[in-house]
Amino acid sequence: MSATILHLMGLDHERLSFFYQGLDQRLTGVEQRRVIAKALA
């Protein structure tokens, strides 16, 4: 769901990361996330 919200905000969830405790972290995690196209229709 967060990938879809980021997509609606114009952000690429796969490229979005932040530096925390010495590591680059991703907001949507490392498991496979996708934009839910049905939610956009």
N, C-alpha and C. Protein backbone atom coordinates (compact mmCIF):
# COMPACT_ATOMS: atom_id res chain seq x y z
N MET A 1 0.82 -1.19 0.00
CA MET A 1 0.00 0.00 0.00
C MET A 1 0.86 1.26 0.00
N SER A 2 1.96 1.24 0.72
CA SER A 2 2.81 2.43 0.76
C SER A 2 3.44 2.71 -0.60
N ALA A 3 3.70 1.66 -1.38
CA ALA A 3 4.24 1.87 -2.73
C ALA A 3 3.23 2.63 -3.60
N THR A 4 1.96 2.32 -3.44
CA THR A 4 0.91 3.00 -4.20
C THR A 4 0.80 4.47 -3.79
N ILE A 5 0.85 4.73 -2.51
CA ILE A 5 0.77 6.11 -2.02
C ILE A 5 1.97 6.92 -2.52
N LEU A 6 3.15 6.35 -2.46
CA LEU A 6 4.34 7.04 -2.97
C LEU A 6 4.22 7.30 -4.47
N HIS A 7 3.66 6.34 -5.21
CA HIS A 7 3.45 6.52 -6.65
C HIS A 7 2.52 7.70 -6.92
N LEU A 8 1.44 7.80 -6.14
CA LEU A 8 0.50 8.91 -6.31
C LEU A 8 1.14 10.25 -6.00
N MET A 9 2.15 10.24 -5.13
CA MET A 9 2.87 11.47 -4.80
C MET A 9 3.98 11.78 -5.82
N GLY A 10 4.14 10.90 -6.80
CA GLY A 10 5.13 11.13 -7.85
C GLY A 10 6.52 10.63 -7.49
N LEU A 11 6.62 9.75 -6.48
CA LEU A 11 7.92 9.23 -6.06
C LEU A 11 8.06 7.77 -6.47
N ASP A 12 9.27 7.39 -6.86
CA ASP A 12 9.57 6.00 -7.20
C ASP A 12 9.96 5.27 -5.93
N HIS A 13 9.12 4.36 -5.45
CA HIS A 13 9.37 3.69 -4.18
C HIS A 13 10.61 2.80 -4.22
N GLU A 14 11.04 2.37 -5.41
CA GLU A 14 12.23 1.52 -5.51
C GLU A 14 13.52 2.33 -5.38
N ARG A 15 13.47 3.62 -5.67
CA ARG A 15 14.66 4.45 -5.60
C ARG A 15 14.73 5.30 -4.34
N LEU A 16 13.63 5.36 -3.59
CA LEU A 16 13.57 6.18 -2.39
C LEU A 16 14.25 5.47 -1.23
N SER A 17 15.26 6.09 -0.66
CA SER A 17 15.95 5.51 0.50
C SER A 17 16.41 6.64 1.42
N PHE A 18 16.73 6.26 2.64
CA PHE A 18 17.23 7.22 3.61
C PHE A 18 18.34 6.57 4.41
N PHE A 19 19.24 7.37 4.91
CA PHE A 19 20.39 6.89 5.68
C PHE A 19 20.01 6.84 7.15
N TYR A 20 20.15 5.66 7.77
CA TYR A 20 19.79 5.50 9.18
C TYR A 20 20.73 4.50 9.83
N GLN A 21 21.38 4.89 10.88
CA GLN A 21 22.31 4.07 11.65
C GLN A 21 23.36 3.40 10.77
N GLY A 22 23.88 4.18 9.84
CA GLY A 22 24.97 3.71 8.99
C GLY A 22 24.55 2.88 7.80
N LEU A 23 23.26 2.72 7.58
CA LEU A 23 22.78 1.92 6.45
C LEU A 23 21.74 2.69 5.66
N ASP A 24 21.70 2.42 4.36
CA ASP A 24 20.62 2.96 3.53
C ASP A 24 19.39 2.09 3.73
N GLN A 25 18.29 2.70 4.12
CA GLN A 25 17.04 1.99 4.36
C GLN A 25 16.03 2.38 3.30
N ARG A 26 15.15 1.45 2.96
CA ARG A 26 14.06 1.74 2.04
C ARG A 26 12.76 1.81 2.81
N LEU A 27 11.93 2.77 2.46
CA LEU A 27 10.65 2.96 3.13
C LEU A 27 9.71 1.77 2.90
N THR A 28 9.77 1.17 1.74
CA THR A 28 8.87 0.07 1.42
C THR A 28 9.48 -1.29 1.70
N GLY A 29 10.67 -1.36 2.29
CA GLY A 29 11.29 -2.63 2.62
C GLY A 29 12.00 -3.25 1.43
N VAL A 30 12.56 -4.41 1.64
CA VAL A 30 13.33 -5.06 0.59
C VAL A 30 12.54 -6.15 -0.13
N GLU A 31 11.42 -6.59 0.45
CA GLU A 31 10.61 -7.58 -0.23
C GLU A 31 9.92 -6.95 -1.43
N GLN A 32 9.42 -7.77 -2.31
CA GLN A 32 8.81 -7.27 -3.54
C GLN A 32 7.57 -6.45 -3.23
N ARG A 33 7.58 -5.19 -3.58
CA ARG A 33 6.42 -4.31 -3.43
C ARG A 33 6.04 -3.80 -4.81
N ARG A 34 4.77 -3.55 -5.00
CA ARG A 34 4.32 -3.05 -6.30
C ARG A 34 3.19 -2.04 -6.10
N VAL A 35 2.99 -1.25 -7.13
CA VAL A 35 1.89 -0.29 -7.13
C VAL A 35 0.62 -1.05 -7.44
N ILE A 36 -0.42 -0.81 -6.66
CA ILE A 36 -1.70 -1.48 -6.87
C ILE A 36 -2.49 -0.68 -7.90
N ALA A 37 -2.50 -1.18 -9.13
CA ALA A 37 -3.15 -0.45 -10.23
C ALA A 37 -4.65 -0.32 -10.04
N LYS A 38 -5.28 -1.31 -9.42
CA LYS A 38 -6.74 -1.25 -9.20
C LYS A 38 -7.14 -0.11 -8.29
N ALA A 39 -6.25 0.27 -7.38
CA ALA A 39 -6.54 1.38 -6.47
C ALA A 39 -6.49 2.72 -7.20
N LEU A 40 -5.81 2.76 -8.32
CA LEU A 40 -5.67 4.01 -9.07
C LEU A 40 -6.80 4.24 -10.04
N ALA A 41 -7.56 3.19 -10.34
CA ALA A 41 -8.65 3.30 -11.33
C ALA A 41 -9.89 3.94 -10.75
